[in-house]
Amino acid sequence: MDGRLITFTGVAAGMVAMPGADFAVVVRNALGSRRAGVACAVGVAGGLLVHTALAVAGLAAVLVAVPVLFGAVQVLGGAYLLYLGGRALLAVVRGPADAAPTADEDVVARTGDEAAAQQEARTGVGQSLRQGFLTNALNPKAPVLFLSLLPQFVPEGQPALPRTLLLAMIVVAMALVWFPAVALLVDRLGNWLRRPRVTRALEATTGALLTTLGGVLLVEVALA
């Protein structure tokens, strides 16, 4: 058995499971519905696929080597996290009234318009998928991490491309297992987690986390 591959699998598992912006976004979407949570989780894995593909292709090295490009990604990532965090905190400030059905939702409920309800559900799933993808794809730390990590587990004398492809697929596969599992667990605990006080506490926590992470990225750009 390839000892380096086993070691990398353990490292990758810890890296994927480490709580961060992606974890917070998945939890927040899963509080809305199981479908939204799983869609967000798949989006997170898709964003991770972008970074691993860039590392395999060597483009991550270009991104890291050109400060302007790296700074641009950092600004975009920070701004997007601030946006998501701000929305979560705004939902907490607005309180339960913010969760009341919109006019369209009320019409759907009263008329039993299943087509409109299905369209609304698809829109919500698409938005969750997009949030998960952008949260991970705009993470400027990921290219540096994968660029420095993957080569460490390529045995000397072995072709780099097939090996790094394998390592990249391991990371993405783990994300496709871990984040949907988180979403399903949140949904499983839904009755308790969706209590008004608990929901507000989780919204406040995830909002504060996302806002802090976004602020840190922007401050790093300003100080660079």
Foldseek 3Di string as FASTA:
>chain_A
DQPLVVVLLVVLLCVLPPDALLLLLLLLLLLVDLLLSLLLLLLLLLLLLVLLVCLLVVVLVVCVVDVVNLLVLLLQLLVLLLVLLVVLLVDLVVAPVVVDDDPVVVVCVVVVPVVVVVVVVVVSSVVSSNSSNSNRNSPSVSNVVLNVPQVVSQDPPHDSNVSSVVSSVSSSVSSNVPSSVSSVVSNVCNVVCNDRVNVSVSSNVSSVRSNVVSVVSVVVSVVD
